[in-house]
All heavy atoms as atom14 arrays in JSON, in Angstrom:
{
  "sequence": "YGAGPGIGAPLGTPPARGMGLEDDQVARPE",
  "atom14_mask": [
    [1, 1, 1, 1, 1, 1, 1, 1, 1, 1, 1, 1, 0, 0],
    [1, 1, 1, 1, 0, 0, 0, 0, 0, 0, 0, 0, 0, 0],
    [1, 1, 1, 1, 1, 0, 0, 0, 0, 0, 0, 0, 0, 0],
    [1, 1, 1, 1, 0, 0, 0, 0, 0, 0, 0, 0, 0, 0],
    [1, 1, 1, 1, 1, 1, 1, 0, 0, 0, 0, 0, 0, 0],
    [1, 1, 1, 1, 0, 0, 0, 0, 0, 0, 0, 0, 0, 0],
    [1, 1, 1, 1, 1, 1, 1, 1, 0, 0, 0, 0, 0, 0],
    [1, 1, 1, 1, 0, 0, 0, 0, 0, 0, 0, 0, 0, 0],
    [1, 1, 1, 1, 1, 0, 0, 0, 0, 0, 0, 0, 0, 0],
    [1, 1, 1, 1, 1, 1, 1, 0, 0, 0, 0, 0, 0, 0],
    [1, 1, 1, 1, 1, 1, 1, 1, 0, 0, 0, 0, 0, 0],
    [1, 1, 1, 1, 0, 0, 0, 0, 0, 0, 0, 0, 0, 0],
    [1, 1, 1, 1, 1, 1, 1, 0, 0, 0, 0, 0, 0, 0],
    [1, 1, 1, 1, 1, 1, 1, 0, 0, 0, 0, 0, 0, 0],
    [1, 1, 1, 1, 1, 1, 1, 0, 0, 0, 0, 0, 0, 0],
    [1, 1, 1, 1, 1, 0, 0, 0, 0, 0, 0, 0, 0, 0],
    [1, 1, 1, 1, 1, 1, 1, 1, 1, 1, 1, 0, 0, 0],
    [1, 1, 1, 1, 0, 0, 0, 0, 0, 0, 0, 0, 0, 0],
    [1, 1, 1, 1, 1, 1, 1, 1, 0, 0, 0, 0, 0, 0],
    [1, 1, 1, 1, 0, 0, 0, 0, 0, 0, 0, 0, 0, 0],
    [1, 1, 1, 1, 1, 1, 1, 1, 0, 0, 0, 0, 0, 0],
    [1, 1, 1, 1, 1, 1, 1, 1, 1, 0, 0, 0, 0, 0],
    [1, 1, 1, 1, 1, 1, 1, 1, 0, 0, 0, 0, 0, 0],
    [1, 1, 1, 1, 1, 1, 1, 1, 0, 0, 0, 0, 0, 0],
    [1, 1, 1, 1, 1, 1, 1, 1, 1, 0, 0, 0, 0, 0],
    [1, 1, 1, 1, 1, 1, 1, 0, 0, 0, 0, 0, 0, 0],
    [1, 1, 1, 1, 1, 0, 0, 0, 0, 0, 0, 0, 0, 0],
    [1, 1, 1, 1, 1, 1, 1, 1, 1, 1, 1, 0, 0, 0],
    [1, 1, 1, 1, 1, 1, 1, 0, 0, 0, 0, 0, 0, 0],
    [1, 1, 1, 1, 1, 1, 1, 1, 1, 0, 0, 0, 0, 0]
  ],
  "atom14_positions": [
    [[82.35, 105.87, 77.34], [81.57, 106.83, 78.1], [81.99, 106.71, 79.55], [82.73, 105.79, 79.92], [80.07, 106.56, 77.94], [79.59, 106.74, 76.52], [79.62, 105.67, 75.62], [79.15, 107.97, 76.06], [79.22, 105.83, 74.29], [78.74, 108.14, 74.74], [78.78, 107.07, 73.86], [78.38, 107.24, 72.56], [0.0, 0.0, 0.0], [0.0, 0.0, 0.0]],
    [[81.52, 107.63, 80.4], [81.92, 107.48, 81.78], [81.56, 108.61, 82.69], [80.96, 109.61, 82.29], [0.0, 0.0, 0.0], [0.0, 0.0, 0.0], [0.0, 0.0, 0.0], [0.0, 0.0, 0.0], [0.0, 0.0, 0.0], [0.0, 0.0, 0.0], [0.0, 0.0, 0.0], [0.0, 0.0, 0.0], [0.0, 0.0, 0.0], [0.0, 0.0, 0.0]],
    [[81.97, 108.44, 83.97], [81.55, 109.32, 85.06], [82.64, 110.27, 85.51], [82.52, 110.84, 86.58], [81.09, 108.46, 86.23], [0.0, 0.0, 0.0], [0.0, 0.0, 0.0], [0.0, 0.0, 0.0], [0.0, 0.0, 0.0], [0.0, 0.0, 0.0], [0.0, 0.0, 0.0], [0.0, 0.0, 0.0], [0.0, 0.0, 0.0], [0.0, 0.0, 0.0]],
    [[83.7, 110.47, 84.73], [84.77, 111.3, 85.25], [85.36, 110.65, 86.49], [85.4, 109.42, 86.6], [0.0, 0.0, 0.0], [0.0, 0.0, 0.0], [0.0, 0.0, 0.0], [0.0, 0.0, 0.0], [0.0, 0.0, 0.0], [0.0, 0.0, 0.0], [0.0, 0.0, 0.0], [0.0, 0.0, 0.0], [0.0, 0.0, 0.0], [0.0, 0.0, 0.0]],
    [[85.83, 111.44, 87.46], [86.49, 110.84, 88.62], [85.54, 110.16, 89.6], [85.89, 109.16, 90.21], [87.19, 112.03, 89.28], [86.37, 113.21, 88.87], [85.9, 112.9, 87.47], [0.0, 0.0, 0.0], [0.0, 0.0, 0.0], [0.0, 0.0, 0.0], [0.0, 0.0, 0.0], [0.0, 0.0, 0.0], [0.0, 0.0, 0.0], [0.0, 0.0, 0.0]],
    [[84.32, 110.69, 89.76], [83.41, 110.17, 90.76], [83.63, 110.86, 92.11], [84.58, 111.63, 92.31], [0.0, 0.0, 0.0], [0.0, 0.0, 0.0], [0.0, 0.0, 0.0], [0.0, 0.0, 0.0], [0.0, 0.0, 0.0], [0.0, 0.0, 0.0], [0.0, 0.0, 0.0], [0.0, 0.0, 0.0], [0.0, 0.0, 0.0], [0.0, 0.0, 0.0]],
    [[82.73, 110.56, 93.05], [82.73, 111.22, 94.36], [82.74, 110.17, 95.46], [81.9, 109.27, 95.49], [81.48, 112.12, 94.52], [81.53, 113.26, 93.49], [81.38, 112.67, 95.94], [80.3, 114.15, 93.5], [0.0, 0.0, 0.0], [0.0, 0.0, 0.0], [0.0, 0.0, 0.0], [0.0, 0.0, 0.0], [0.0, 0.0, 0.0], [0.0, 0.0, 0.0]],
    [[83.71, 110.3, 96.36], [83.82, 109.4, 97.5], [84.08, 110.17, 98.78], [84.29, 111.39, 98.77], [0.0, 0.0, 0.0], [0.0, 0.0, 0.0], [0.0, 0.0, 0.0], [0.0, 0.0, 0.0], [0.0, 0.0, 0.0], [0.0, 0.0, 0.0], [0.0, 0.0, 0.0], [0.0, 0.0, 0.0], [0.0, 0.0, 0.0], [0.0, 0.0, 0.0]],
    [[84.07, 109.47, 99.9], [84.31, 110.11, 101.19], [85.8, 110.34, 101.38], [86.63, 109.55, 100.92], [83.77, 109.23, 102.31], [0.0, 0.0, 0.0], [0.0, 0.0, 0.0], [0.0, 0.0, 0.0], [0.0, 0.0, 0.0], [0.0, 0.0, 0.0], [0.0, 0.0, 0.0], [0.0, 0.0, 0.0], [0.0, 0.0, 0.0], [0.0, 0.0, 0.0]],
    [[86.19, 111.42, 102.09], [87.6, 111.58, 102.44], [88.11, 110.36, 103.2], [87.48, 109.89, 104.14], [87.6, 112.84, 103.33], [86.37, 113.61, 102.88], [85.36, 112.54, 102.55], [0.0, 0.0, 0.0], [0.0, 0.0, 0.0], [0.0, 0.0, 0.0], [0.0, 0.0, 0.0], [0.0, 0.0, 0.0], [0.0, 0.0, 0.0], [0.0, 0.0, 0.0]],
    [[89.23, 109.83, 102.74], [89.85, 108.63, 103.32], [88.97, 107.38, 103.2], [89.22, 106.37, 103.85], [90.21, 108.85, 104.79], [91.16, 110.02, 105.09], [91.39, 110.16, 106.58], [92.48, 109.86, 104.34], [0.0, 0.0, 0.0], [0.0, 0.0, 0.0], [0.0, 0.0, 0.0], [0.0, 0.0, 0.0], [0.0, 0.0, 0.0], [0.0, 0.0, 0.0]],
    [[87.96, 107.46, 102.33], [87.03, 106.34, 102.2], [87.18, 105.6, 100.89], [88.24, 105.59, 100.27], [0.0, 0.0, 0.0], [0.0, 0.0, 0.0], [0.0, 0.0, 0.0], [0.0, 0.0, 0.0], [0.0, 0.0, 0.0], [0.0, 0.0, 0.0], [0.0, 0.0, 0.0], [0.0, 0.0, 0.0], [0.0, 0.0, 0.0], [0.0, 0.0, 0.0]],
    [[86.07, 104.97, 100.47], [86.03, 104.21, 99.24], [85.97, 105.15, 98.04], [85.25, 106.15, 98.1], [84.78, 103.31, 99.24], [84.77, 102.54, 100.45], [84.78, 102.36, 98.06], [0.0, 0.0, 0.0], [0.0, 0.0, 0.0], [0.0, 0.0, 0.0], [0.0, 0.0, 0.0], [0.0, 0.0, 0.0], [0.0, 0.0, 0.0], [0.0, 0.0, 0.0]],
    [[86.71, 104.85, 96.95], [87.66, 103.76, 96.79], [88.97, 104.06, 97.53], [89.4, 105.22, 97.53], [87.88, 103.7, 95.28], [87.66, 105.11, 94.83], [86.58, 105.65, 95.72], [0.0, 0.0, 0.0], [0.0, 0.0, 0.0], [0.0, 0.0, 0.0], [0.0, 0.0, 0.0], [0.0, 0.0, 0.0], [0.0, 0.0, 0.0], [0.0, 0.0, 0.0]],
    [[89.58, 103.05, 98.14], [90.79, 103.3, 98.94], [91.97, 103.62, 98.05], [92.5, 102.76, 97.35], [90.98, 101.98, 99.69], [90.34, 100.95, 98.81], [89.18, 101.64, 98.14], [0.0, 0.0, 0.0], [0.0, 0.0, 0.0], [0.0, 0.0, 0.0], [0.0, 0.0, 0.0], [0.0, 0.0, 0.0], [0.0, 0.0, 0.0], [0.0, 0.0, 0.0]],
    [[92.4, 104.87, 98.07], [93.47, 105.31, 97.16], [94.75, 104.53, 97.38], [95.41, 104.09, 96.43], [93.72, 106.8, 97.34], [0.0, 0.0, 0.0], [0.0, 0.0, 0.0], [0.0, 0.0, 0.0], [0.0, 0.0, 0.0], [0.0, 0.0, 0.0], [0.0, 0.0, 0.0], [0.0, 0.0, 0.0], [0.0, 0.0, 0.0], [0.0, 0.0, 0.0]],
    [[95.12, 104.32, 98.64], [96.38, 103.62, 98.92], [96.3, 102.16, 98.48], [97.21, 101.64, 97.86], [96.72, 103.72, 100.41], [98.02, 103.02, 100.78], [98.35, 103.21, 102.25], [98.51, 104.61, 102.58], [98.75, 105.05, 103.82], [98.81, 104.19, 104.83], [98.89, 106.35, 104.05], [0.0, 0.0, 0.0], [0.0, 0.0, 0.0], [0.0, 0.0, 0.0]],
    [[95.19, 101.51, 98.75], [95.08, 100.09, 98.44], [95.03, 99.8, 96.95], [95.39, 98.71, 96.51], [0.0, 0.0, 0.0], [0.0, 0.0, 0.0], [0.0, 0.0, 0.0], [0.0, 0.0, 0.0], [0.0, 0.0, 0.0], [0.0, 0.0, 0.0], [0.0, 0.0, 0.0], [0.0, 0.0, 0.0], [0.0, 0.0, 0.0], [0.0, 0.0, 0.0]],
    [[94.58, 100.78, 96.15], [94.48, 100.55, 94.71], [95.57, 101.28, 93.92], [95.55, 101.29, 92.7], [93.09, 100.99, 94.23], [91.95, 100.19, 94.82], [90.32, 100.69, 94.21], [90.43, 100.2, 92.48], [0.0, 0.0, 0.0], [0.0, 0.0, 0.0], [0.0, 0.0, 0.0], [0.0, 0.0, 0.0], [0.0, 0.0, 0.0], [0.0, 0.0, 0.0]],
    [[96.52, 101.92, 94.61], [97.57, 102.63, 93.92], [97.06, 103.84, 93.16], [97.6, 104.21, 92.13], [0.0, 0.0, 0.0], [0.0, 0.0, 0.0], [0.0, 0.0, 0.0], [0.0, 0.0, 0.0], [0.0, 0.0, 0.0], [0.0, 0.0, 0.0], [0.0, 0.0, 0.0], [0.0, 0.0, 0.0], [0.0, 0.0, 0.0], [0.0, 0.0, 0.0]],
    [[96.01, 104.47, 93.68], [95.38, 105.59, 92.99], [95.85, 106.92, 93.56], [96.17, 107.03, 94.74], [93.86, 105.5, 93.12], [93.2, 104.22, 92.64], [91.73, 104.24, 93.0], [93.38, 104.06, 91.15], [0.0, 0.0, 0.0], [0.0, 0.0, 0.0], [0.0, 0.0, 0.0], [0.0, 0.0, 0.0], [0.0, 0.0, 0.0], [0.0, 0.0, 0.0]],
    [[95.84, 107.91, 92.72], [96.09, 109.27, 93.17], [94.78, 109.86, 93.68], [93.71, 109.62, 93.13], [96.61, 110.12, 92.01], [97.91, 109.62, 91.41], [99.11, 109.9, 92.31], [98.98, 110.74, 93.21], [100.16, 109.28, 92.09], [0.0, 0.0, 0.0], [0.0, 0.0, 0.0], [0.0, 0.0, 0.0], [0.0, 0.0, 0.0], [0.0, 0.0, 0.0]],
    [[94.84, 110.67, 94.71], [93.62, 111.26, 95.27], [92.9, 112.14, 94.26], [91.68, 112.31, 94.36], [93.94, 112.05, 96.53], [94.12, 111.15, 97.74], [93.46, 110.1, 97.78], [94.92, 111.48, 98.62], [0.0, 0.0, 0.0], [0.0, 0.0, 0.0], [0.0, 0.0, 0.0], [0.0, 0.0, 0.0], [0.0, 0.0, 0.0], [0.0, 0.0, 0.0]],
    [[93.63, 112.71, 93.29], [92.95, 113.6, 92.36], [92.1, 112.85, 91.35], [91.43, 113.45, 90.52], [93.95, 114.52, 91.63], [94.91, 113.76, 90.71], [94.83, 112.51, 90.65], [95.73, 114.42, 90.05], [0.0, 0.0, 0.0], [0.0, 0.0, 0.0], [0.0, 0.0, 0.0], [0.0, 0.0, 0.0], [0.0, 0.0, 0.0], [0.0, 0.0, 0.0]],
    [[92.08, 111.54, 91.42], [91.17, 110.79, 90.57], [89.75, 110.8, 91.11], [88.81, 110.54, 90.37], [91.63, 109.33, 90.44], [92.72, 109.13, 89.4], [92.94, 107.66, 89.14], [93.4, 106.97, 90.02], [92.59, 107.2, 87.97], [0.0, 0.0, 0.0], [0.0, 0.0, 0.0], [0.0, 0.0, 0.0], [0.0, 0.0, 0.0], [0.0, 0.0, 0.0]],
    [[89.58, 111.02, 92.38], [88.26, 110.97, 93.0], [88.02, 112.27, 93.76], [88.87, 112.7, 94.54], [88.15, 109.77, 93.97], [86.79, 109.75, 94.66], [88.38, 108.46, 93.21], [0.0, 0.0, 0.0], [0.0, 0.0, 0.0], [0.0, 0.0, 0.0], [0.0, 0.0, 0.0], [0.0, 0.0, 0.0], [0.0, 0.0, 0.0], [0.0, 0.0, 0.0]],
    [[86.88, 112.91, 93.54], [86.5, 114.07, 94.32], [86.06, 113.6, 95.7], [85.29, 112.64, 95.81], [85.38, 114.83, 93.63], [0.0, 0.0, 0.0], [0.0, 0.0, 0.0], [0.0, 0.0, 0.0], [0.0, 0.0, 0.0], [0.0, 0.0, 0.0], [0.0, 0.0, 0.0], [0.0, 0.0, 0.0], [0.0, 0.0, 0.0], [0.0, 0.0, 0.0]],
    [[86.54, 114.25, 96.75], [86.21, 113.84, 98.12], [85.73, 115.06, 98.91], [86.41, 115.55, 99.81], [87.41, 113.17, 98.78], [87.86, 111.9, 98.03], [88.98, 111.17, 98.73], [89.49, 110.06, 97.93], [89.0, 108.82, 97.95], [87.97, 108.53, 98.72], [89.54, 107.87, 97.21], [0.0, 0.0, 0.0], [0.0, 0.0, 0.0], [0.0, 0.0, 0.0]],
    [[84.53, 115.56, 98.59], [84.03, 116.79, 99.22], [83.69, 116.55, 100.69], [83.23, 115.48, 101.08], [82.78, 117.11, 98.41], [82.32, 115.8, 97.86], [83.57, 115.03, 97.58], [0.0, 0.0, 0.0], [0.0, 0.0, 0.0], [0.0, 0.0, 0.0], [0.0, 0.0, 0.0], [0.0, 0.0, 0.0], [0.0, 0.0, 0.0], [0.0, 0.0, 0.0]],
    [[83.89, 117.61, 101.49], [83.59, 117.53, 102.91], [82.33, 118.29, 103.29], [81.89, 118.23, 104.44], [84.78, 118.06, 103.72], [86.04, 117.23, 103.5], [87.2, 117.69, 104.36], [87.01, 118.65, 105.16], [88.29, 117.1, 104.27], [0.0, 0.0, 0.0], [0.0, 0.0, 0.0], [0.0, 0.0, 0.0], [0.0, 0.0, 0.0], [0.0, 0.0, 0.0]]
  ]
}
């Protein structure tokens, strides 16, 4: 089960660069 990508702040947590993640894994609405 799960939450899909989840929602984080632009340039915020989870840190995409630090975890080797693509930005499209997390929604970052402004």
